[in-house]
Amino acid sequence: MFMMCWNYCIPFFKGLFFLLSPLLLILSMFVLKRGVNQRRPALRQFAFLMIFVSFLKSFTLDIYMLRDKILCNDLLFSFACNGTGFKSLQILGLVLLAASSFVVFKIYLTFVKERKVVYHTAKKLKLRLLANIGLWMAVFLMLWLATPWVGYLTVGSVPKFFVQAPWGAYSIINAIVLGVCFWRYEDCVEHARAYGKKATKKVWTPKDTLWIAVFLLLITTAFFYASDDVLSKASH
């Protein structure tokens, strides 16, 4: 168990660490949207703080840690492998950080004043339909994961389709669909709260469906990460 975790869990969490910046940037968009919809200045400030932290990590820590893994293997950035070149790259990162921080601050000033918010109903945004689509996409991904294992454990062979097909791209598409669903959820949640229990129920039920789909997608993607390597060897 320890060796399996060493081979699969550690690389997975390393990849998750480098994905933290874009994930933080996406999350900040949702925090900003809720801060605008609920007219909460503190949430809007926190959203822009998250954007700044995302840029700070990308232009400082990520550049430093990815130097040997990516930059030195790329002809375009091969100069960064020597000391002088890497210092120049770090300076460039600081310049980009300062420039992006200035742009983010200018955008923040446009969100200081309250904005008029247009609320939408869950029915108008087809929230329930999109939530069900996201859930069934996650279920399909689970079946995709289980089918080759059933074949391997029963007849001893794995269909090449399940190894060659880009499950990662499908998983990303599923995540985008769920992201769109949550974005639309933010558009109608305040309307539901304003118009009583009947409207609230139409929003809360798709919300529960979305969180179930997110849980299934995360678990399935994690298992895919480990099983893909095993199935690739088994299919040869």
Protein backbone atom coordinates (compact mmCIF):
# COMPACT_ATOMS: atom_id res chain seq x y z
CA MET A 1 0.00 0.00 0.00
CA PHE A 2 2.84 2.37 0.87
CA MET A 3 4.63 1.68 -2.42
CA MET A 4 1.42 2.20 -4.41
CA CYS A 5 0.86 5.54 -2.70
CA TRP A 6 4.51 6.48 -3.35
CA ASN A 7 4.13 5.70 -7.06
CA TYR A 8 0.73 7.30 -7.64
CA CYS A 9 -0.37 9.54 -4.77
CA ILE A 10 2.76 11.66 -4.56
CA PRO A 11 2.90 12.51 -8.31
CA PHE A 12 -0.86 13.17 -8.22
CA PHE A 13 -0.55 15.65 -5.36
CA LYS A 14 2.48 17.26 -7.00
CA GLY A 15 0.39 17.85 -10.11
CA LEU A 16 -2.42 19.16 -7.93
CA PHE A 17 0.02 21.57 -6.30
CA PHE A 18 0.95 23.10 -9.65
CA LEU A 19 -2.74 23.22 -10.65
CA LEU A 20 -3.47 25.21 -7.51
CA SER A 21 -2.88 28.56 -9.23
CA PRO A 22 -5.43 28.12 -12.07
CA LEU A 23 -7.87 26.45 -9.65
CA LEU A 24 -7.52 29.37 -7.27
CA LEU A 25 -8.11 31.77 -10.16
CA ILE A 26 -11.30 29.95 -11.18
CA LEU A 27 -12.54 29.83 -7.59
CA SER A 28 -11.94 33.57 -7.24
CA MET A 29 -14.31 34.19 -10.17
CA PHE A 30 -17.10 32.42 -8.28
CA VAL A 31 -16.30 34.30 -5.07
CA LEU A 32 -16.38 37.57 -7.01
CA LYS A 33 -19.70 36.68 -8.61
CA ARG A 34 -21.26 35.89 -5.24
CA GLY A 35 -19.83 39.09 -3.78
CA VAL A 36 -21.48 41.08 -6.58
CA ASN A 37 -24.81 39.24 -6.36
CA GLN A 38 -25.02 39.49 -2.58
CA ARG A 39 -23.60 43.04 -2.48
CA ARG A 40 -20.82 42.04 -0.08
CA PRO A 41 -17.64 44.16 -0.41
CA ALA A 42 -15.63 41.79 1.81
CA LEU A 43 -16.24 38.88 -0.59
CA ARG A 44 -15.20 40.99 -3.58
CA GLN A 45 -12.00 41.99 -1.79
CA PHE A 46 -11.29 38.38 -0.89
CA ALA A 47 -11.79 37.36 -4.53
CA PHE A 48 -9.17 39.83 -5.73
CA LEU A 49 -6.84 38.72 -2.94
CA MET A 50 -7.17 35.16 -4.26
CA ILE A 51 -6.34 36.38 -7.78
CA PHE A 52 -3.22 38.10 -6.47
CA VAL A 53 -2.12 34.97 -4.55
CA SER A 54 -2.63 32.91 -7.72
CA PHE A 55 -0.40 35.24 -9.75
CA LEU A 56 2.14 35.43 -6.91
CA LYS A 57 2.49 31.64 -6.82
CA SER A 58 2.66 31.34 -10.62
CA PHE A 59 5.32 34.00 -11.20
CA THR A 60 7.57 33.14 -8.22
CA LEU A 61 7.23 29.68 -6.69
CA ASP A 62 6.11 27.81 -9.83
CA ILE A 63 8.88 29.31 -11.98
CA TYR A 64 11.45 28.26 -9.39
CA MET A 65 10.13 24.70 -8.91
CA LEU A 66 9.50 24.00 -12.61
CA ARG A 67 12.92 25.15 -13.75
CA ASP A 68 14.48 21.67 -14.04
CA LYS A 69 11.33 19.78 -15.06
CA ILE A 70 10.06 21.97 -17.89
CA LEU A 71 12.19 25.00 -18.65
CA CYS A 72 15.46 23.13 -19.14
CA ASN A 73 13.82 20.67 -21.54
CA ASP A 74 12.37 23.38 -23.76
CA LEU A 75 14.60 24.90 -26.44
CA LEU A 76 12.80 28.22 -26.05
CA PHE A 77 13.69 28.45 -22.34
CA SER A 78 16.96 26.51 -22.33
CA PHE A 79 18.79 29.68 -21.31
CA ALA A 80 17.11 29.40 -17.88
CA CYS A 81 19.24 26.38 -16.95
CA ASN A 82 22.30 28.48 -16.25
CA GLY A 83 22.52 30.84 -13.30
CA THR A 84 22.41 34.11 -15.22
CA GLY A 85 19.53 32.98 -17.43
CA PHE A 86 17.50 31.81 -14.46
CA LYS A 87 17.96 35.14 -12.68
CA SER A 88 16.72 36.88 -15.81
CA LEU A 89 13.71 34.58 -15.83
CA GLN A 90 13.01 35.37 -12.18
CA ILE A 91 13.22 39.09 -12.90
CA LEU A 92 10.81 38.61 -15.80
CA GLY A 93 8.46 36.79 -13.43
CA LEU A 94 8.58 39.69 -10.97
CA VAL A 95 7.88 42.16 -13.78
CA LEU A 96 4.89 40.10 -14.90
CA LEU A 97 3.71 39.90 -11.28
CA ALA A 98 3.89 43.68 -10.91
CA ALA A 99 2.11 44.24 -14.24
CA SER A 100 -0.65 41.72 -13.49
CA SER A 101 -1.10 43.16 -9.98
CA PHE A 102 -1.57 46.62 -11.46
CA VAL A 103 -4.18 45.31 -13.91
CA VAL A 104 -5.99 43.42 -11.13
CA PHE A 105 -6.03 46.56 -8.97
CA LYS A 106 -7.52 48.60 -11.81
CA ILE A 107 -10.22 45.96 -12.33
CA TYR A 108 -10.88 45.88 -8.58
CA LEU A 109 -11.62 49.62 -8.60
CA THR A 110 -14.47 48.96 -11.03
CA PHE A 111 -16.04 46.56 -8.51
CA VAL A 112 -15.83 48.90 -5.50
CA LYS A 113 -19.25 50.42 -6.23
CA GLU A 114 -22.34 48.25 -6.05
CA ARG A 115 -23.73 47.01 -9.35
CA LYS A 116 -27.25 46.32 -10.46
CA VAL A 117 -27.77 42.56 -10.43
CA VAL A 118 -30.22 40.76 -12.72
CA TYR A 119 -31.52 37.54 -11.17
CA HIS A 120 -32.74 34.57 -13.18
CA THR A 121 -34.95 31.60 -12.38
CA ALA A 122 -33.60 28.05 -12.32
CA LYS A 123 -36.12 27.11 -15.00
CA LYS A 124 -34.96 29.86 -17.35
CA LEU A 125 -31.32 28.80 -17.00
CA LYS A 126 -32.21 25.08 -17.34
CA LEU A 127 -30.29 24.42 -14.14
CA ARG A 128 -31.87 21.04 -13.43
CA LEU A 129 -31.19 19.77 -16.97
CA LEU A 130 -27.55 20.86 -16.89
CA ALA A 131 -27.05 19.36 -13.42
CA ASN A 132 -28.41 16.02 -14.61
CA ILE A 133 -26.16 16.13 -17.69
CA GLY A 134 -23.13 16.75 -15.46
CA LEU A 135 -24.12 13.90 -13.15
CA TRP A 136 -24.64 11.39 -15.97
CA MET A 137 -21.31 12.39 -17.52
CA ALA A 138 -19.64 11.58 -14.20
CA VAL A 139 -21.50 8.24 -14.01
CA PHE A 140 -20.40 7.43 -17.57
CA LEU A 141 -16.79 8.13 -16.57
CA MET A 142 -17.19 5.69 -13.65
CA LEU A 143 -18.49 3.00 -16.01
CA TRP A 144 -15.58 3.75 -18.35
CA LEU A 145 -13.21 3.14 -15.43
CA ALA A 146 -14.93 -0.07 -14.31
CA THR A 147 -15.41 -1.77 -17.71
CA PRO A 148 -11.74 -2.56 -18.52
CA TRP A 149 -11.19 -3.87 -15.00
CA VAL A 150 -14.15 -6.20 -15.39
CA GLY A 151 -12.67 -7.46 -18.66
CA TYR A 152 -9.19 -7.82 -17.15
CA LEU A 153 -10.44 -9.75 -14.11
CA THR A 154 -12.82 -12.01 -16.06
CA VAL A 155 -11.29 -12.80 -19.46
CA GLY A 156 -7.80 -11.47 -18.80
CA SER A 157 -7.75 -8.84 -21.56
CA VAL A 158 -8.32 -5.10 -21.80
CA PRO A 159 -9.95 -3.55 -24.89
CA LYS A 160 -7.49 -1.09 -26.44
CA PHE A 161 -10.21 1.56 -26.68
CA PHE A 162 -10.24 2.03 -22.92
CA VAL A 163 -6.48 2.61 -22.92
CA GLN A 164 -6.13 4.75 -26.03
CA ALA A 165 -9.26 6.90 -25.63
CA PRO A 166 -8.48 10.29 -24.02
CA TRP A 167 -10.27 9.89 -20.70
CA GLY A 168 -8.44 12.95 -19.39
CA ALA A 169 -10.03 15.17 -22.05
CA TYR A 170 -13.47 13.77 -21.22
CA SER A 171 -12.85 14.43 -17.53
CA ILE A 172 -11.91 18.05 -18.30
CA ILE A 173 -15.07 18.47 -20.40
CA ASN A 174 -17.11 17.07 -17.52
CA ALA A 175 -15.45 19.55 -15.14
CA ILE A 176 -16.23 22.44 -17.53
CA VAL A 177 -19.89 21.38 -17.72
CA LEU A 178 -20.10 21.31 -13.92
CA GLY A 179 -18.37 24.68 -13.76
CA VAL A 180 -20.98 26.18 -16.10
CA CYS A 181 -23.70 24.65 -13.92
CA PHE A 182 -22.31 26.21 -10.76
CA TRP A 183 -21.90 29.55 -12.58
CA ARG A 184 -25.58 29.48 -13.55
CA TYR A 185 -26.48 28.41 -10.04
CA GLU A 186 -24.93 31.64 -8.76
CA ASP A 187 -27.17 33.56 -11.19
CA CYS A 188 -30.40 32.18 -9.75
CA VAL A 189 -29.65 31.48 -6.08
CA GLU A 190 -30.49 35.02 -4.93
CA HIS A 191 -33.74 34.97 -6.92
CA ALA A 192 -34.68 31.74 -5.16
CA ARG A 193 -33.99 33.19 -1.73
CA ALA A 194 -36.08 36.27 -2.53
CA TYR A 195 -39.14 34.36 -3.77
CA GLY A 196 -39.69 31.80 -1.04
CA LYS A 197 -39.51 28.04 -0.45
CA LYS A 198 -40.98 26.95 -3.80
CA ALA A 199 -38.32 28.78 -5.79
CA THR A 200 -35.63 27.72 -3.33
CA LYS A 201 -36.44 24.04 -3.77
CA LYS A 202 -35.98 24.34 -7.55
CA VAL A 203 -32.42 25.55 -6.92
CA TRP A 204 -31.40 23.41 -3.97
CA THR A 205 -32.22 20.09 -5.66
CA PRO A 206 -29.93 20.73 -8.69
CA LYS A 207 -27.29 22.01 -6.27
CA ASP A 208 -27.25 18.67 -4.44
CA THR A 209 -27.03 16.90 -7.79
CA LEU A 210 -24.06 19.05 -8.77
CA TRP A 211 -22.13 18.32 -5.58
CA ILE A 212 -22.73 14.57 -6.01
CA ALA A 213 -21.40 14.86 -9.58
CA VAL A 214 -18.32 16.75 -8.34
CA PHE A 215 -17.60 14.07 -5.74
CA LEU A 216 -17.94 11.27 -8.31
CA LEU A 217 -15.77 13.11 -10.81
CA LEU A 218 -12.96 13.71 -8.30
CA ILE A 219 -12.94 10.12 -7.05
CA THR A 220 -13.11 8.66 -10.55
CA THR A 221 -10.36 10.93 -11.89
CA ALA A 222 -8.08 9.97 -9.00
CA PHE A 223 -8.66 6.25 -9.67
CA PHE A 224 -8.16 6.78 -13.40
CA TYR A 225 -4.78 8.35 -12.68
CA ALA A 226 -3.61 5.15 -10.99
CA SER A 227 -5.38 2.56 -13.15
CA ASP A 228 -4.33 4.09 -16.48
CA ASP A 229 -0.73 3.03 -15.92
CA VAL A 230 -1.72 -0.50 -14.85
CA LEU A 231 -4.13 -0.98 -17.78
CA SER A 232 -1.56 0.33 -20.29
CA LYS A 233 0.86 -2.40 -19.22
CA ALA A 234 -1.87 -5.05 -19.13
CA SER A 235 -3.01 -4.29 -22.69
CA HIS A 236 0.42 -4.98 -24.21
